[in-house]
Each structure stands twice: as C-alpha cells, then as structure tokens.
Amino acid sequence: MGLIIANKQGQVLLCKRKGMNSWQFPQGGIDLNESPLKAAKRELFEEVGIQAKDVKLIKSLDEWLKYDVPIKSRRKKRRKKSKKRKKKRKKRKTRKY
C-alpha cells in the first residue's frame, strides 16, 4: 500500500530509501484484519511521523496497482551472520587507530 502526500502548494513527499540511493513514496503493508485506510494512516505515522488528524484523504483507487521494482533498485539479499561473525565485525567497527 502506497501513499502520495501533497501539501497545499502541490509539493509531494518523497522519502529516501534506507541504505540505497533512491527515493519512494511512503508505503507499507496491511496487517491482518486491517482496512487499507487504517493501514495507510498507521504507515504514514510509522514511516514519517505524520498523524492521521493532519491529513485528508482526497482519492483512493478501487483496484490495486502492481509493479516490478527495477533490478538496480532492489535490495541485495543479505546472508545471515553467525554470532561469532557479528562479534568480530562489531569489534572491528569500534577499534581505534
């Protein structure tokens, strides 16, 4: 579920993707038994800290839009690290030279 947030001047809100050099509209998932509107309000607050009372729904779509994320914009899958590797890496980061 994605949100397009615009202010009275017609500016839209784009969010920088964490750990990537790309931007996106606020978005997120819908929890079990949660309406799309309720999920949108929750995600808006979780993603960018905007409360539901501060926005007005202008339009929603009756059908879901599907799209493929371009390969270059996809997150790389990370291997799970063992506890031993995590400790070594943590030590390396905190070492002073």
N, C-alpha and C. Protein backbone atom coordinates (compact mmCIF):
# COMPACT_ATOMS: atom_id res chain seq x y z
N MET A 1 0.85 -1.13 0.00
CA MET A 1 0.00 0.00 0.00
C MET A 1 0.92 1.22 0.00
N GLY A 2 0.65 2.14 -0.93
CA GLY A 2 1.48 3.33 -1.04
C GLY A 2 0.66 4.59 -0.84
N LEU A 3 1.33 5.64 -0.44
CA LEU A 3 0.66 6.91 -0.16
C LEU A 3 1.32 8.02 -0.95
N ILE A 4 0.52 8.89 -1.51
CA ILE A 4 1.06 10.09 -2.14
C ILE A 4 0.57 11.25 -1.27
N ILE A 5 1.51 11.92 -0.65
CA ILE A 5 1.21 13.02 0.27
C ILE A 5 1.58 14.32 -0.41
N ALA A 6 0.63 15.25 -0.48
CA ALA A 6 0.88 16.56 -1.09
C ALA A 6 0.43 17.65 -0.13
N ASN A 7 1.16 18.77 -0.14
CA ASN A 7 0.74 19.90 0.69
C ASN A 7 -0.10 20.87 -0.16
N LYS A 8 -0.53 21.96 0.45
CA LYS A 8 -1.39 22.91 -0.26
C LYS A 8 -0.70 23.58 -1.44
N GLN A 9 0.63 23.58 -1.45
CA GLN A 9 1.38 24.17 -2.55
C GLN A 9 1.61 23.16 -3.69
N GLY A 10 1.11 21.94 -3.53
CA GLY A 10 1.25 20.93 -4.57
C GLY A 10 2.56 20.17 -4.53
N GLN A 11 3.35 20.37 -3.47
CA GLN A 11 4.61 19.62 -3.33
C GLN A 11 4.29 18.23 -2.80
N VAL A 12 4.98 17.22 -3.33
CA VAL A 12 4.75 15.85 -2.85
C VAL A 12 5.90 15.39 -1.98
N LEU A 13 5.58 14.48 -1.08
CA LEU A 13 6.57 13.95 -0.14
C LEU A 13 7.22 12.70 -0.73
N LEU A 14 8.53 12.73 -0.86
CA LEU A 14 9.32 11.56 -1.26
C LEU A 14 10.26 11.23 -0.11
N CYS A 15 10.46 9.95 0.12
CA CYS A 15 11.33 9.50 1.21
C CYS A 15 12.53 8.77 0.63
N LYS A 16 13.71 9.09 1.17
CA LYS A 16 14.92 8.40 0.73
C LYS A 16 14.91 6.99 1.29
N ARG A 17 15.19 6.02 0.45
CA ARG A 17 15.21 4.63 0.89
C ARG A 17 16.46 4.37 1.72
N LYS A 18 16.28 3.75 2.84
CA LYS A 18 17.37 3.47 3.76
C LYS A 18 18.40 2.55 3.10
N GLY A 19 19.65 2.98 3.12
CA GLY A 19 20.74 2.16 2.61
C GLY A 19 20.80 2.10 1.09
N MET A 20 20.05 2.96 0.41
CA MET A 20 20.04 2.93 -1.06
C MET A 20 20.06 4.36 -1.58
N ASN A 21 20.44 4.52 -2.82
CA ASN A 21 20.45 5.82 -3.44
C ASN A 21 19.20 5.97 -4.31
N SER A 22 18.02 5.88 -3.68
CA SER A 22 16.77 6.02 -4.42
C SER A 22 15.70 6.59 -3.49
N TRP A 23 14.61 7.03 -4.08
CA TRP A 23 13.53 7.69 -3.36
C TRP A 23 12.22 6.97 -3.64
N GLN A 24 11.26 7.11 -2.72
CA GLN A 24 9.96 6.48 -2.90
C GLN A 24 8.90 7.23 -2.12
N PHE A 25 7.63 6.97 -2.45
CA PHE A 25 6.53 7.47 -1.65
C PHE A 25 6.45 6.63 -0.38
N PRO A 26 5.91 7.18 0.72
CA PRO A 26 5.71 6.35 1.92
C PRO A 26 4.86 5.14 1.54
N GLN A 27 5.18 3.99 2.09
CA GLN A 27 4.45 2.77 1.76
C GLN A 27 4.62 1.75 2.86
N GLY A 28 3.84 0.69 2.81
CA GLY A 28 3.97 -0.36 3.81
C GLY A 28 2.92 -1.43 3.60
N GLY A 29 2.85 -2.33 4.56
CA GLY A 29 1.94 -3.46 4.45
C GLY A 29 0.65 -3.25 5.22
N ILE A 30 -0.29 -4.12 4.93
CA ILE A 30 -1.58 -4.11 5.62
C ILE A 30 -1.63 -5.31 6.54
N ASP A 31 -1.86 -5.06 7.82
CA ASP A 31 -1.93 -6.14 8.79
C ASP A 31 -3.23 -6.92 8.63
N LEU A 32 -3.24 -8.14 9.14
CA LEU A 32 -4.41 -9.00 9.10
C LEU A 32 -5.61 -8.27 9.72
N ASN A 33 -6.75 -8.31 9.07
CA ASN A 33 -7.99 -7.67 9.53
C ASN A 33 -7.91 -6.15 9.63
N GLU A 34 -6.97 -5.54 8.93
CA GLU A 34 -6.82 -4.08 8.95
C GLU A 34 -7.32 -3.54 7.60
N SER A 35 -8.08 -2.47 7.64
CA SER A 35 -8.55 -1.87 6.39
C SER A 35 -7.40 -1.13 5.72
N PRO A 36 -7.45 -0.99 4.39
CA PRO A 36 -6.40 -0.23 3.71
C PRO A 36 -6.25 1.20 4.24
N LEU A 37 -7.37 1.86 4.57
CA LEU A 37 -7.29 3.23 5.08
C LEU A 37 -6.62 3.27 6.46
N LYS A 38 -6.99 2.34 7.32
CA LYS A 38 -6.36 2.29 8.64
C LYS A 38 -4.87 1.99 8.52
N ALA A 39 -4.52 1.08 7.60
CA ALA A 39 -3.11 0.76 7.37
C ALA A 39 -2.36 1.98 6.85
N ALA A 40 -2.99 2.73 5.95
CA ALA A 40 -2.35 3.93 5.40
C ALA A 40 -2.05 4.94 6.50
N LYS A 41 -3.00 5.15 7.38
CA LYS A 41 -2.80 6.10 8.49
C LYS A 41 -1.69 5.62 9.42
N ARG A 42 -1.68 4.32 9.72
CA ARG A 42 -0.66 3.77 10.60
C ARG A 42 0.72 3.88 9.95
N GLU A 43 0.82 3.49 8.69
CA GLU A 43 2.11 3.54 7.99
C GLU A 43 2.61 4.97 7.85
N LEU A 44 1.70 5.90 7.61
CA LEU A 44 2.09 7.30 7.48
C LEU A 44 2.77 7.78 8.76
N PHE A 45 2.23 7.40 9.90
CA PHE A 45 2.84 7.80 11.16
C PHE A 45 4.15 7.04 11.40
N GLU A 46 4.15 5.72 11.15
CA GLU A 46 5.36 4.92 11.38
C GLU A 46 6.51 5.35 10.46
N GLU A 47 6.20 5.63 9.21
CA GLU A 47 7.24 5.96 8.23
C GLU A 47 7.78 7.37 8.38
N VAL A 48 6.88 8.35 8.56
CA VAL A 48 7.33 9.75 8.53
C VAL A 48 6.82 10.60 9.69
N GLY A 49 6.08 10.02 10.63
CA GLY A 49 5.65 10.76 11.82
C GLY A 49 4.49 11.72 11.60
N ILE A 50 3.74 11.56 10.51
CA ILE A 50 2.59 12.42 10.26
C ILE A 50 1.35 11.74 10.84
N GLN A 51 0.61 12.47 11.66
CA GLN A 51 -0.58 11.90 12.30
C GLN A 51 -1.79 11.99 11.38
N ALA A 52 -2.72 11.05 11.53
CA ALA A 52 -3.91 10.97 10.69
C ALA A 52 -4.73 12.25 10.75
N LYS A 53 -4.77 12.91 11.89
CA LYS A 53 -5.57 14.14 12.04
C LYS A 53 -5.03 15.29 11.19
N ASP A 54 -3.78 15.16 10.74
CA ASP A 54 -3.14 16.23 9.96
C ASP A 54 -3.26 16.05 8.45
N VAL A 55 -3.97 15.00 8.01
CA VAL A 55 -4.11 14.74 6.57
C VAL A 55 -5.58 14.52 6.21
N LYS A 56 -5.86 14.67 4.94
CA LYS A 56 -7.21 14.44 4.43
C LYS A 56 -7.11 13.52 3.22
N LEU A 57 -7.94 12.49 3.19
CA LEU A 57 -7.97 11.60 2.04
C LEU A 57 -8.68 12.30 0.88
N ILE A 58 -7.98 12.41 -0.23
CA ILE A 58 -8.55 13.05 -1.41
C ILE A 58 -9.09 12.00 -2.37
N LYS A 59 -8.34 10.93 -2.54
CA LYS A 59 -8.73 9.90 -3.51
C LYS A 59 -8.08 8.57 -3.15
N SER A 60 -8.78 7.50 -3.37
CA SER A 60 -8.19 6.16 -3.25
C SER A 60 -8.59 5.39 -4.51
N LEU A 61 -7.83 4.38 -4.83
CA LEU A 61 -8.11 3.58 -6.03
C LEU A 61 -8.93 2.35 -5.66
N ASP A 62 -9.82 1.96 -6.55
CA ASP A 62 -10.65 0.78 -6.32
C ASP A 62 -9.88 -0.51 -6.58
N GLU A 63 -8.86 -0.44 -7.42
CA GLU A 63 -8.07 -1.63 -7.75
C GLU A 63 -6.63 -1.42 -7.30
N TRP A 64 -5.94 -2.52 -7.03
CA TRP A 64 -4.54 -2.46 -6.64
C TRP A 64 -3.67 -2.28 -7.87
N LEU A 65 -2.63 -1.49 -7.75
CA LEU A 65 -1.65 -1.33 -8.81
C LEU A 65 -0.48 -2.26 -8.52
N LYS A 66 0.02 -2.92 -9.54
CA LYS A 66 1.17 -3.80 -9.38
C LYS A 66 2.31 -3.27 -10.22
N TYR A 67 3.50 -3.44 -9.72
CA TYR A 67 4.67 -3.00 -10.47
C TYR A 67 5.86 -3.84 -10.08
N ASP A 68 6.85 -3.87 -10.95
CA ASP A 68 8.11 -4.55 -10.66
C ASP A 68 9.16 -3.51 -10.32
N VAL A 69 9.86 -3.74 -9.24
CA VAL A 69 10.96 -2.85 -8.87
C VAL A 69 12.13 -3.16 -9.79
N PRO A 70 12.71 -2.13 -10.44
CA PRO A 70 13.86 -2.40 -11.32
C PRO A 70 14.98 -3.12 -10.56
N ILE A 71 15.67 -4.02 -11.23
CA ILE A 71 16.71 -4.82 -10.59
C ILE A 71 17.73 -3.95 -9.87
N LYS A 72 18.15 -2.84 -10.50
CA LYS A 72 19.17 -1.98 -9.88
C LYS A 72 18.66 -1.31 -8.61
N SER A 73 17.34 -1.26 -8.41
CA SER A 73 16.77 -0.61 -7.23
C SER A 73 16.40 -1.60 -6.12
N ARG A 74 16.57 -2.88 -6.38
CA ARG A 74 16.22 -3.89 -5.38
C ARG A 74 17.31 -4.00 -4.33
N ARG A 75 16.89 -4.28 -3.11
CA ARG A 75 17.86 -4.51 -2.04
C ARG A 75 18.59 -5.82 -2.31
N LYS A 76 19.85 -5.83 -1.98
CA LYS A 76 20.61 -7.07 -2.10
C LYS A 76 20.27 -7.96 -0.92
N LYS A 77 20.10 -9.26 -1.19
CA LYS A 77 19.82 -10.19 -0.10
C LYS A 77 21.06 -10.33 0.75
N ARG A 78 20.86 -10.27 2.05
CA ARG A 78 21.99 -10.39 2.98
C ARG A 78 22.00 -11.78 3.58
N ARG A 79 23.21 -12.31 3.71
CA ARG A 79 23.34 -13.61 4.37
C ARG A 79 23.21 -13.42 5.87
N LYS A 80 22.62 -14.38 6.53
CA LYS A 80 22.55 -14.33 7.98
C LYS A 80 23.94 -14.59 8.53
N LYS A 81 24.33 -13.79 9.48
CA LYS A 81 25.67 -13.92 10.06
C LYS A 81 25.60 -14.68 11.37
N SER A 82 26.60 -15.48 11.60
CA SER A 82 26.66 -16.20 12.86
C SER A 82 27.00 -15.21 13.97
N LYS A 83 26.73 -15.58 15.20
CA LYS A 83 27.04 -14.70 16.34
C LYS A 83 28.52 -14.38 16.40
N LYS A 84 29.34 -15.37 16.06
CA LYS A 84 30.79 -15.18 16.08
C LYS A 84 31.21 -14.11 15.08
N ARG A 85 30.66 -14.16 13.86
CA ARG A 85 31.00 -13.16 12.83
C ARG A 85 30.50 -11.77 13.25
N LYS A 86 29.31 -11.71 13.88
CA LYS A 86 28.78 -10.42 14.32
C LYS A 86 29.70 -9.79 15.35
N LYS A 87 30.20 -10.60 16.30
CA LYS A 87 31.11 -10.09 17.33
C LYS A 87 32.38 -9.53 16.71
N LYS A 88 32.97 -10.28 15.78
CA LYS A 88 34.20 -9.83 15.13
C LYS A 88 33.95 -8.52 14.40
N ARG A 89 32.86 -8.45 13.69
CA ARG A 89 32.56 -7.24 12.91
C ARG A 89 32.35 -6.05 13.85
N LYS A 90 31.65 -6.27 14.96
CA LYS A 90 31.40 -5.21 15.92
C LYS A 90 32.71 -4.69 16.49
N LYS A 91 33.63 -5.62 16.83
CA LYS A 91 34.93 -5.22 17.35
C LYS A 91 35.67 -4.38 16.33
N ARG A 92 35.62 -4.78 15.09
CA ARG A 92 36.33 -4.06 14.04
C ARG A 92 35.82 -2.62 13.92
N LYS A 93 34.52 -2.44 14.04
CA LYS A 93 33.93 -1.11 13.91
C LYS A 93 34.33 -0.18 15.05
N THR A 94 34.54 -0.73 16.22
CA THR A 94 34.82 0.11 17.38
C THR A 94 36.32 0.27 17.66
N ARG A 95 37.15 -0.40 16.89
CA ARG A 95 38.59 -0.31 17.11
C ARG A 95 39.10 1.08 16.78
N LYS A 96 39.98 1.63 17.64
CA LYS A 96 40.57 2.95 17.42
C LYS A 96 41.96 2.78 16.84
N TYR A 97 42.32 3.68 15.94
CA TYR A 97 43.63 3.63 15.31
C TYR A 97 44.46 4.83 15.70
